[in-house]
Amino acid sequence: MGDYLTPILGIAYVSVFTIILMYAASRLFATEKILTAKLKFRGLRKRGKTPTPES
């Protein structure tokens, strides 16, 4: 049909969106905090327990 602009813009948009998501995921997983389950959840600790010292 001769409309090349719409598919090119769609491919460019998806490419940029994918690159942004991949960058965010690489930054998140680079620390390995998710893999080692060492995230800090302040609201999930029960009261009365003393926090364990972190090394």
C-alpha atoms as a PDB file:
ATOM      1  CA  MET A   1       0.000   0.000   0.000  1.00  0.00           C
ATOM      2  CA  GLY A   2       3.022   2.257   0.053  1.00  0.00           C
ATOM      3  CA  ASP A   3       2.838   3.201   3.738  1.00  0.00           C
ATOM      4  CA  TYR A   4       6.338   2.478   4.985  1.00  0.00           C
ATOM      5  CA  LEU A   5       6.470   5.112   7.727  1.00  0.00           C
ATOM      6  CA  THR A   6       4.087   3.367  10.150  1.00  0.00           C
ATOM      7  CA  PRO A   7       5.902  -0.003  10.235  1.00  0.00           C
ATOM      8  CA  ILE A   8       9.305   1.701  10.481  1.00  0.00           C
ATOM      9  CA  LEU A   9       8.130   3.842  13.408  1.00  0.00           C
ATOM     10  CA  GLY A  10       6.608   0.767  15.062  1.00  0.00           C
ATOM     11  CA  ILE A  11       9.842  -1.201  14.740  1.00  0.00           C
ATOM     12  CA  ALA A  12      11.852   1.754  16.078  1.00  0.00           C
ATOM     13  CA  TYR A  13       9.475   2.166  19.037  1.00  0.00           C
ATOM     14  CA  VAL A  14       9.603  -1.521  19.956  1.00  0.00           C
ATOM     15  CA  SER A  15      13.403  -1.551  19.599  1.00  0.00           C
ATOM     16  CA  VAL A  16      13.880   1.437  21.904  1.00  0.00           C
ATOM     17  CA  PHE A  17      11.393   0.035  24.432  1.00  0.00           C
ATOM     18  CA  THR A  18      13.185  -3.335  24.405  1.00  0.00           C
ATOM     19  CA  ILE A  19      16.594  -1.733  24.908  1.00  0.00           C
ATOM     20  CA  ILE A  20      15.289   0.292  27.865  1.00  0.00           C
ATOM     21  CA  LEU A  21      13.761  -2.800  29.483  1.00  0.00           C
ATOM     22  CA  MET A  22      16.902  -4.847  28.936  1.00  0.00           C
ATOM     23  CA  TYR A  23      19.024  -2.097  30.511  1.00  0.00           C
ATOM     24  CA  ALA A  24      16.721  -1.882  33.538  1.00  0.00           C
ATOM     25  CA  ALA A  25      16.732  -5.673  33.952  1.00  0.00           C
ATOM     26  CA  SER A  26      20.515  -5.864  33.673  1.00  0.00           C
ATOM     27  CA  ARG A  27      20.921  -3.168  36.324  1.00  0.00           C
ATOM     28  CA  LEU A  28      18.472  -4.985  38.602  1.00  0.00           C
ATOM     29  CA  PHE A  29      20.079  -8.400  38.261  1.00  0.00           C
ATOM     30  CA  ALA A  30      23.687  -7.143  38.265  1.00  0.00           C
ATOM     31  CA  THR A  31      23.655  -6.775  42.051  1.00  0.00           C
ATOM     32  CA  GLU A  32      22.473 -10.388  42.510  1.00  0.00           C
ATOM     33  CA  LYS A  33      20.310  -9.237  45.413  1.00  0.00           C
ATOM     34  CA  ILE A  34      17.293 -10.878  43.853  1.00  0.00           C
ATOM     35  CA  LEU A  35      19.147 -14.119  43.208  1.00  0.00           C
ATOM     36  CA  THR A  36      20.514 -14.322  46.760  1.00  0.00           C
ATOM     37  CA  ALA A  37      17.281 -13.062  48.370  1.00  0.00           C
ATOM     38  CA  LYS A  38      19.076 -10.306  50.281  1.00  0.00           C
ATOM     39  CA  LEU A  39      16.505  -7.620  49.675  1.00  0.00           C
ATOM     40  CA  LYS A  40      15.481  -5.535  52.658  1.00  0.00           C
ATOM     41  CA  PHE A  41      11.786  -5.607  53.474  1.00  0.00           C
ATOM     42  CA  ARG A  42      11.365  -3.227  56.384  1.00  0.00           C
ATOM     43  CA  GLY A  43       7.662  -3.820  56.948  1.00  0.00           C
ATOM     44  CA  LEU A  44       7.803  -7.626  57.005  1.00  0.00           C
ATOM     45  CA  ARG A  45       9.804  -8.146  60.200  1.00  0.00           C
ATOM     46  CA  LYS A  46       7.876  -9.166  63.303  1.00  0.00           C
ATOM     47  CA  ARG A  47       8.160  -6.894  66.280  1.00  0.00           C
ATOM     48  CA  GLY A  48      10.044  -8.137  69.303  1.00  0.00           C
ATOM     49  CA  LYS A  49      12.814  -9.821  67.378  1.00  0.00           C
ATOM     50  CA  THR A  50      16.204  -8.218  67.276  1.00  0.00           C
ATOM     51  CA  PRO A  51      17.581  -7.723  63.772  1.00  0.00           C
ATOM     52  CA  THR A  52      20.512  -9.903  62.889  1.00  0.00           C
ATOM     53  CA  PRO A  53      23.765  -8.126  62.047  1.00  0.00           C
ATOM     54  CA  GLU A  54      24.442  -8.040  58.331  1.00  0.00           C
ATOM     55  CA  SER A  55      27.889  -8.844  57.052  1.00  0.00           C
END
